[in-house]
Amino acid sequence: MLSLLKVVLSQNYVTFQQKIYQPEQGISMGSPIFSLIAEIFLQHYEDANIKQLLDTRSIALYVRYVYDILRVVIFDTTKNQLAHYQHIYKQNAQ
């Protein structure tokens, strides 16, 4: 399944001003597989990160519809959340 996904992502092309481009990374939003990839990513992101923030009451409200997100943050915890997301970014960048 993973090898099939790699093939699909490597065949990702975008047309802009009558020129065809192939992105170095990512997937175009108009691609038929975009919604599936976005859903898988967001489910993983929510399980790994948002649940912890909801449990510790750092977030007052978190609502998602497809890939639009509304999050209400408790002001006192904003610095802690910023540090949390910087830590996640550094882990994923490696």
Foldseek 3Di string as FASTA:
>chain_A
DVVVVVVVLQPAWDADPNDIDRDPDDHDPPDPCNLVVLVVVVVVCCVVPVVVCVVVVQWVDWDDDSHDIDTHGDVVCPVVVVVVVVVVVVVVVD
